[in-house]
Protein backbone atom coordinates (compact mmCIF):
# COMPACT_ATOMS: atom_id res chain seq x y z
CA MET A 1 18.75 19.92 -12.21
CA GLU A 2 15.08 20.11 -11.23
CA ASN A 3 13.75 17.05 -9.45
CA PRO A 4 10.77 15.75 -11.47
CA PHE A 5 9.15 14.49 -8.28
CA ASP A 6 9.06 17.90 -6.60
CA SER A 7 6.02 18.94 -8.65
CA VAL A 8 3.88 16.00 -7.49
CA ALA A 9 1.05 17.19 -5.23
CA LYS A 10 1.18 15.69 -1.75
CA LEU A 11 -2.26 14.05 -1.87
CA GLY A 12 -2.63 11.32 -4.48
CA PHE A 13 -5.92 9.90 -5.77
CA GLY A 14 -5.82 6.14 -5.34
CA CYS A 15 -8.22 4.50 -7.78
CA MET A 16 -8.71 1.05 -6.28
CA ARG A 17 -11.89 1.78 -4.26
CA LEU A 18 -13.93 3.87 -6.69
CA PRO A 19 -17.65 4.56 -6.22
CA LEU A 20 -19.87 1.73 -7.47
CA LEU A 21 -23.38 1.57 -8.89
CA ASP A 22 -23.68 -1.98 -7.53
CA PRO A 23 -21.73 -2.74 -4.33
CA ASP A 24 -21.51 -6.40 -5.35
CA ASP A 25 -19.97 -5.65 -8.75
CA VAL A 26 -16.49 -4.09 -8.60
CA LYS A 27 -16.66 -3.30 -12.33
CA SER A 28 -19.81 -1.12 -12.01
CA ILE A 29 -17.94 2.15 -11.46
CA ASP A 30 -20.15 5.21 -11.01
CA ILE A 31 -18.60 7.35 -13.76
CA PRO A 32 -20.66 10.56 -13.12
CA GLN A 33 -19.63 10.61 -9.44
CA PHE A 34 -16.06 9.69 -10.37
CA GLU A 35 -16.01 12.64 -12.77
CA GLN A 36 -17.06 14.96 -9.94
CA MET A 37 -14.30 13.58 -7.75
CA VAL A 38 -11.72 13.99 -10.50
CA ASP A 39 -12.78 17.58 -11.11
CA ALA A 40 -12.65 18.46 -7.42
CA PHE A 41 -9.21 16.88 -7.07
CA LEU A 42 -7.76 18.77 -10.03
CA GLU A 43 -9.39 22.05 -8.99
CA ALA A 44 -7.72 21.78 -5.57
CA GLY A 45 -4.30 21.28 -7.18
CA GLY A 46 -4.10 17.49 -7.11
CA THR A 47 -2.20 15.87 -9.97
CA TYR A 48 -1.30 12.24 -9.11
CA PHE A 49 -3.74 9.46 -10.08
CA ASP A 50 -2.74 5.95 -9.03
CA THR A 51 -4.23 2.80 -10.52
CA ALA A 52 -3.11 -0.71 -11.51
CA PHE A 53 -3.75 -3.27 -14.21
CA VAL A 54 -5.87 -5.34 -11.80
CA TYR A 55 -7.84 -2.65 -9.92
CA HIS A 56 -11.59 -3.10 -10.32
CA GLU A 57 -10.71 -6.06 -12.58
CA GLY A 58 -9.22 -3.67 -15.13
CA GLU A 59 -12.09 -1.20 -15.13
CA SER A 60 -10.22 1.35 -12.99
CA GLU A 61 -7.94 2.20 -15.93
CA VAL A 62 -10.93 2.40 -18.27
CA ALA A 63 -12.78 4.67 -15.85
CA LEU A 64 -9.75 6.96 -15.63
CA ARG A 65 -9.79 7.33 -19.40
CA LYS A 66 -13.45 8.33 -19.33
CA ALA A 67 -13.42 10.59 -16.27
CA LEU A 68 -9.95 12.09 -16.58
CA VAL A 69 -7.97 11.56 -19.77
CA GLU A 70 -10.83 12.33 -22.18
CA ARG A 71 -11.95 15.40 -20.19
CA HIS A 72 -8.78 17.21 -19.13
CA PRO A 73 -5.52 18.31 -20.79
CA ARG A 74 -2.90 15.57 -20.55
CA GLU A 75 -0.32 17.94 -19.07
CA SER A 76 -2.63 18.79 -16.15
CA PHE A 77 -2.21 15.41 -14.40
CA THR A 78 0.09 12.43 -13.95
CA LEU A 79 -0.85 8.76 -14.22
CA ALA A 80 0.63 5.88 -12.26
CA THR A 81 -0.20 2.27 -13.02
CA LYS A 82 1.35 -1.10 -12.21
CA CYS A 83 2.13 -4.58 -13.52
CA LEU A 84 1.43 -7.54 -11.21
CA ALA A 85 3.84 -9.84 -13.05
CA TRP A 86 4.18 -12.39 -10.24
CA ALA A 87 0.50 -13.33 -10.60
CA LEU A 88 0.71 -13.83 -14.38
CA PRO A 89 1.44 -17.11 -16.16
CA ASP A 90 4.37 -16.11 -18.38
CA GLU A 91 6.72 -13.35 -19.55
CA THR A 92 4.71 -12.52 -22.66
CA THR A 93 1.54 -11.90 -20.65
CA ALA A 94 3.42 -9.77 -18.11
CA LYS A 95 5.07 -7.59 -20.74
CA ALA A 96 1.77 -7.15 -22.60
CA CYS A 97 0.30 -5.36 -19.57
CA LEU A 98 1.91 -2.02 -20.45
CA ASP A 99 0.34 -1.71 -23.90
CA ILE A 100 -3.03 -2.88 -22.57
CA SER A 101 -2.85 -0.25 -19.81
CA LEU A 102 -1.96 2.44 -22.35
CA GLU A 103 -4.98 1.44 -24.46
CA ARG A 104 -7.34 1.34 -21.49
CA LEU A 105 -6.12 4.71 -20.24
CA GLY A 106 -6.22 6.30 -23.68
CA THR A 107 -2.72 7.74 -23.50
CA ASP A 108 0.59 7.10 -25.21
CA TYR A 109 2.72 7.27 -22.06
CA ILE A 110 2.57 6.48 -18.34
CA ASP A 111 4.13 9.04 -16.01
CA PHE A 112 4.92 6.56 -13.20
CA TYR A 113 5.06 2.83 -13.99
CA LEU A 114 5.49 0.38 -11.11
CA LEU A 115 6.34 -3.27 -10.77
CA HIS A 116 3.48 -4.25 -8.49
CA ASN A 117 4.08 -5.85 -5.05
CA VAL A 118 7.70 -6.85 -5.50
CA GLY A 119 9.38 -8.71 -2.63
CA ASP A 120 10.36 -12.18 -1.55
CA PRO A 121 9.37 -14.62 -2.97
CA ARG A 122 7.61 -12.65 -5.72
CA THR A 123 10.80 -10.89 -6.83
CA ALA A 124 11.98 -14.12 -8.47
CA VAL A 125 9.15 -13.91 -11.00
CA PHE A 126 10.00 -10.32 -11.96
CA ASP A 127 13.60 -11.48 -12.40
CA GLU A 128 12.62 -14.52 -14.44
CA TYR A 129 10.43 -12.46 -16.77
CA GLY A 130 13.10 -9.77 -17.25
CA MET A 131 10.74 -7.05 -16.06
CA TRP A 132 13.46 -4.74 -14.71
CA ASP A 133 15.18 -4.45 -18.09
CA TYR A 134 11.85 -4.33 -19.88
CA ILE A 135 10.59 -1.23 -18.11
CA LEU A 136 13.96 0.46 -18.64
CA GLU A 137 13.61 -0.26 -22.38
CA GLN A 138 10.06 1.11 -22.41
CA LYS A 139 11.24 4.21 -20.59
CA ALA A 140 13.88 4.75 -23.27
CA ALA A 141 11.14 4.28 -25.88
CA GLY A 142 9.04 7.03 -24.27
CA LYS A 143 6.14 4.87 -23.14
CA ILE A 144 7.14 5.36 -19.49
CA HIS A 145 8.54 8.52 -17.92
CA HIS A 146 9.54 7.22 -14.46
CA ILE A 147 10.02 3.68 -13.15
CA GLY A 148 9.61 2.26 -9.65
CA PHE A 149 8.02 -0.53 -7.66
CA SER A 150 5.62 -1.12 -4.79
CA MET A 151 6.26 -3.57 -1.96
CA HIS A 152 4.81 -4.68 1.38
CA ASP A 153 7.90 -6.44 2.75
CA GLY A 154 10.34 -5.24 5.40
CA ALA A 155 13.32 -2.92 5.34
CA ASP A 156 15.99 -5.55 4.64
CA CYS A 157 14.12 -6.69 1.56
CA LEU A 158 13.77 -3.10 0.36
CA ASP A 159 17.47 -2.46 0.90
CA LYS A 160 18.37 -5.51 -1.22
CA LEU A 161 16.00 -4.47 -4.00
CA LEU A 162 17.30 -0.91 -4.20
CA THR A 163 20.90 -2.12 -4.05
CA ALA A 164 20.23 -4.54 -6.91
CA HIS A 165 18.20 -2.01 -8.91
CA PRO A 166 19.54 1.51 -8.40
CA GLU A 167 17.87 2.50 -11.67
CA MET A 168 14.51 2.52 -9.90
CA GLU A 169 13.47 6.15 -9.37
CA PHE A 170 10.87 5.85 -6.59
CA VAL A 171 9.19 3.33 -4.31
CA GLN A 172 5.63 2.87 -3.05
CA LEU A 173 5.47 1.69 0.56
CA GLN A 174 2.88 0.85 3.20
CA VAL A 175 3.21 3.66 5.76
CA ASN A 176 0.87 4.62 8.60
CA TYR A 177 1.04 5.44 12.28
CA LEU A 178 0.16 1.91 13.41
CA ASP A 179 2.78 0.23 11.21
CA TRP A 180 5.43 2.91 11.87
CA ASP A 181 7.23 0.88 14.55
CA ASP A 182 5.64 -2.51 13.81
CA PRO A 183 8.30 -5.25 13.73
CA VAL A 184 6.82 -6.93 10.65
CA ASN A 185 5.74 -4.00 8.47
CA GLU A 186 8.62 -1.71 9.55
CA SER A 187 7.23 1.47 8.00
CA ARG A 188 9.79 3.72 9.68
CA ARG A 189 12.76 1.57 8.69
CA CYS A 190 11.49 1.23 5.12
CA VAL A 191 11.24 5.00 4.74
CA GLU A 192 14.74 5.35 6.17
CA VAL A 193 16.08 2.80 3.67
CA ALA A 194 14.43 4.65 0.78
CA ARG A 195 16.01 7.90 1.96
CA LYS A 196 19.42 6.21 2.25
CA HIS A 197 19.12 5.23 -1.41
CA GLY A 198 17.83 8.68 -2.40
CA LYS A 199 14.43 7.40 -3.58
CA PRO A 200 11.24 9.42 -2.97
CA VAL A 201 8.36 7.53 -1.37
CA VAL A 202 4.75 7.22 -2.46
CA VAL A 203 2.74 6.23 0.62
CA MET A 204 0.04 3.57 0.31
CA GLU A 205 -2.26 2.35 3.07
CA PRO A 206 -1.99 5.57 5.13
CA ALA A 207 -5.30 4.59 6.78
CA ARG A 208 -4.44 0.86 6.81
CA GLY A 209 -7.12 0.01 4.25
CA GLY A 210 -9.69 1.97 6.26
CA ASN A 211 -8.82 0.34 9.60
CA LEU A 212 -7.61 3.65 11.04
CA VAL A 213 -10.93 5.26 10.09
CA ARG A 214 -12.86 2.52 11.92
CA LEU A 215 -10.95 2.49 15.18
CA PRO A 216 -12.29 0.65 18.21
CA GLU A 217 -13.53 3.10 20.83
CA ARG A 218 -10.56 2.58 23.16
CA ALA A 219 -8.26 3.96 20.44
CA ALA A 220 -10.59 6.63 19.06
CA ALA A 221 -11.27 8.15 22.50
CA PRO A 222 -7.93 9.99 22.99
CA LEU A 223 -8.08 11.39 19.45
CA ARG A 224 -11.63 12.67 19.86
CA ALA A 225 -10.81 14.13 23.28
CA CYS A 226 -7.87 16.04 21.83
CA SER A 227 -9.61 17.27 18.67
CA PRO A 228 -13.37 16.64 18.68
CA ASP A 229 -13.94 18.08 15.20
CA ALA A 230 -11.17 16.16 13.43
CA SER A 231 -12.08 13.03 11.50
CA LEU A 232 -10.22 9.82 12.27
CA ALA A 233 -9.06 9.83 8.65
CA SER A 234 -7.40 13.22 9.10
CA TRP A 235 -5.16 11.82 11.84
CA ALA A 236 -3.96 9.08 9.49
CA TYR A 237 -3.20 11.34 6.53
CA ARG A 238 -1.63 14.17 8.54
CA PHE A 239 0.77 11.67 10.08
CA CYS A 240 2.13 10.86 6.61
CA TYR A 241 2.20 14.29 4.97
CA HIS A 242 5.21 15.58 6.89
CA ILE A 243 7.44 12.49 6.84
CA PRO A 244 10.75 13.45 5.19
CA GLY A 245 11.17 11.85 1.78
CA VAL A 246 7.45 11.36 1.11
CA MET A 247 6.41 12.83 -2.21
CA CYS A 248 2.81 11.65 -2.28
CA VAL A 249 0.24 10.10 0.06
CA LEU A 250 -2.39 7.99 -1.68
CA SER A 251 -6.00 7.92 -0.60
CA GLY A 252 -8.38 5.32 -2.03
CA MET A 253 -11.40 7.61 -2.02
CA SER A 254 -14.83 6.12 -2.68
CA ASP A 255 -17.17 9.11 -2.77
CA LEU A 256 -17.25 12.88 -3.15
CA ASP A 257 -17.54 13.53 0.60
CA GLN A 258 -14.32 11.60 1.26
CA MET A 259 -12.64 13.59 -1.48
CA ARG A 260 -13.70 16.92 -0.01
CA GLN A 261 -12.61 15.97 3.52
CA ASN A 262 -9.21 14.72 2.38
CA LEU A 263 -8.64 17.79 0.25
CA ALA A 264 -9.46 20.05 3.20
CA ASP A 265 -7.01 18.21 5.47
CA TRP A 266 -4.29 18.32 2.82
CA LYS A 267 -4.74 22.02 2.07
CA ALA A 268 -4.76 22.91 5.78
CA ASP A 269 -1.16 21.60 5.91
CA ALA A 270 -1.16 21.40 9.71
CA PRO A 271 1.65 19.41 11.40
CA PHE A 272 0.72 17.78 14.70
CA THR A 273 0.96 19.88 17.84
CA PRO A 274 2.70 18.32 20.88
CA GLU A 275 -0.75 17.63 22.35
CA GLU A 276 -1.85 15.87 19.18
CA GLU A 277 1.33 13.80 19.07
CA GLU A 278 0.62 12.65 22.62
CA ALA A 279 -2.98 11.78 21.72
CA LEU A 280 -1.77 9.73 18.75
CA ARG A 281 0.70 7.85 20.95
CA ALA A 282 -2.15 7.11 23.34
CA ALA A 283 -4.29 5.79 20.49
CA VAL A 284 -1.52 3.48 19.28
CA ALA A 285 -0.91 2.28 22.85
CA ALA A 286 -4.64 1.54 23.17
CA LEU A 287 -4.59 -0.49 19.96
CA ARG A 288 -1.60 -2.48 21.21
CA SER A 289 -3.02 -2.93 24.70
CA VAL A 290 -4.74 -6.19 23.85
CA PRO A 291 -2.76 -9.43 24.31
CA THR A 292 -0.70 -10.10 21.20
CA ILE A 293 1.85 -12.65 19.99
CA PRO A 294 5.38 -11.36 20.78
CA CYS A 295 6.79 -11.92 17.28
CA THR A 296 9.75 -9.64 16.47
CA ASN A 297 10.03 -10.66 12.79
CA CYS A 298 13.53 -12.13 13.22
CA ARG A 299 12.42 -14.71 10.61
CA TYR A 300 14.52 -17.54 12.02
CA CYS A 301 11.34 -19.63 11.86
CA VAL A 302 10.93 -18.99 8.13
CA LYS A 303 14.51 -20.05 7.39
CA GLU A 304 13.90 -23.41 9.06
CA CYS A 305 10.39 -24.07 7.72
CA PRO A 306 10.47 -26.86 5.09
CA GLN A 307 7.08 -25.71 3.75
CA GLY A 308 7.93 -22.02 3.39
CA VAL A 309 5.05 -20.90 5.61
CA LEU A 310 5.14 -17.12 6.06
CA ILE A 311 5.01 -17.40 9.82
CA PRO A 312 5.66 -13.77 10.88
CA GLU A 313 3.01 -12.54 8.47
CA CYS A 314 0.51 -15.05 9.85
CA LEU A 315 1.25 -14.01 13.44
CA GLN A 316 1.10 -10.31 12.59
CA LEU A 317 -2.33 -10.76 11.03
CA LEU A 318 -3.57 -12.55 14.15
CA ASN A 319 -2.32 -9.56 16.14
CA MET A 320 -4.06 -7.17 13.76
CA ASP A 321 -7.28 -9.13 14.09
CA ALA A 322 -7.13 -8.74 17.88
CA MET A 323 -6.26 -5.04 17.78
CA MET A 324 -8.61 -3.71 15.10
CA ASP A 325 -11.93 -5.53 15.53
CA ASP A 326 -12.26 -5.73 11.73
CA HIS A 327 -12.10 -9.43 10.94
CA ALA A 328 -13.30 -9.20 7.33
CA PHE A 329 -10.52 -6.78 6.39
CA VAL A 330 -7.80 -8.85 8.07
CA LYS A 331 -9.07 -12.05 6.45
CA HIS A 332 -8.92 -10.37 3.04
CA ASN A 333 -5.33 -9.29 3.75
CA TYR A 334 -4.42 -12.81 4.81
CA THR A 335 -5.57 -14.19 1.46
CA TRP A 336 -2.98 -12.26 -0.51
CA ARG A 337 -0.24 -11.50 2.03
CA THR A 338 0.35 -15.21 2.76
CA ARG A 339 -0.35 -16.47 -0.73
CA ALA A 340 3.20 -17.86 -0.99
CA GLY A 341 2.96 -19.72 2.31
CA HIS A 342 -0.44 -20.19 4.00
CA ALA A 343 -0.68 -21.41 7.59
CA SER A 344 -2.47 -24.55 6.41
CA GLU A 345 0.74 -25.72 4.74
CA CYS A 346 2.30 -26.31 8.18
CA ILE A 347 3.23 -29.97 8.75
CA GLN A 348 3.82 -29.44 12.51
CA CYS A 349 7.46 -30.55 12.34
CA GLY A 350 8.42 -28.15 15.14
CA SER A 351 11.52 -26.67 13.44
CA CYS A 352 10.10 -23.16 13.79
CA GLU A 353 9.49 -23.50 17.53
CA ASP A 354 13.02 -24.82 18.08
CA MET A 355 14.42 -21.67 16.45
CA CYS A 356 12.07 -19.03 17.95
CA PRO A 357 13.93 -16.71 20.40
CA GLN A 358 10.56 -15.67 21.86
CA HIS A 359 9.49 -19.30 22.53
CA ILE A 360 6.19 -18.74 20.73
CA ASP A 361 3.85 -21.72 20.39
CA ILE A 362 3.95 -21.28 16.62
CA ILE A 363 2.20 -24.52 15.67
CA ASP A 364 -0.83 -23.66 17.81
CA GLN A 365 -0.86 -20.09 16.50
CA LEU A 366 -0.78 -21.27 12.90
CA GLN A 367 -3.75 -23.52 13.62
CA ARG A 368 -5.56 -20.44 15.01
CA CYS A 369 -4.69 -18.70 11.76
CA VAL A 370 -6.20 -21.50 9.69
CA GLU A 371 -9.39 -21.43 11.74
CA ALA A 372 -9.65 -17.65 11.60
CA PHE A 373 -8.73 -16.92 7.99
CA GLU A 374 -8.97 -20.08 5.89
């Protein structure tokens, strides 16, 4: 039987950072430029458009209707959108998202529907609202063609989710060369878990939200020395294209120039040479050369924390802040990645430090986190 995912083009158009008429208004999407980007993407053979109920405060789906659905044959593209149930007040509101997305997009079916940012402790809300059974029912009704979920948690969490929900057909994971062997994000292990369960992977954050396009000079130098004409973005996307099990690599493109560059890199289809692999290792080593907190994500601290502070995530973001020289981006990530357990909820009981195999001064580090990000 033909695999329905084999026909998905490798580069996906992520629609969460669309061009704006007013940089201070995320709803002011520049439709004429977006139309040009859509046309260029389709002309190059792209098919996969990724959005979500909450992107651009709902206007991303509306913009896709105007720039894509109303201007091109429905069979010429696929649409992915998502439901952020854990951030919604009740089951009725969560289940209403699908029909609202269909109306905004101007279509009667979604090709790829995802439960958005599943993972502990958010999974409990999806369970409580019955979202797993709901999307199966909507698939049977024809409103959804394929069902999956996105997540930012580690490999053990992914393994539990796919074991509990083998009906899920694909997963969307944070994968990039910096997170590949990171003990908290575990990109490599997550991809391996997905492959073990036979689920194709949609890659998100291949450029780490733009961080890998804005590298500090110590990390950019070996890449530029190896390939002076290559953009920093191309290194990030090329790393992901040839990972086994990856069906699509999303790029949140914001203007026509970014679109053209990413299309050129995708169509070139050039795996890394041994020299390029060495340059990339040097870049990662340079990023990790700054002093960092030696957290291994064993999560013993979390098990003992009476407040449920997401300690490894807090420490990892402090490390990212030191490595990337992009404080605003890391602070934004902190806001949502630690939503279920901010550093400021620490009561300094010391249980975490008693359990830490690395003897990290966790209480002091959490205070640093509060001062840096809250």
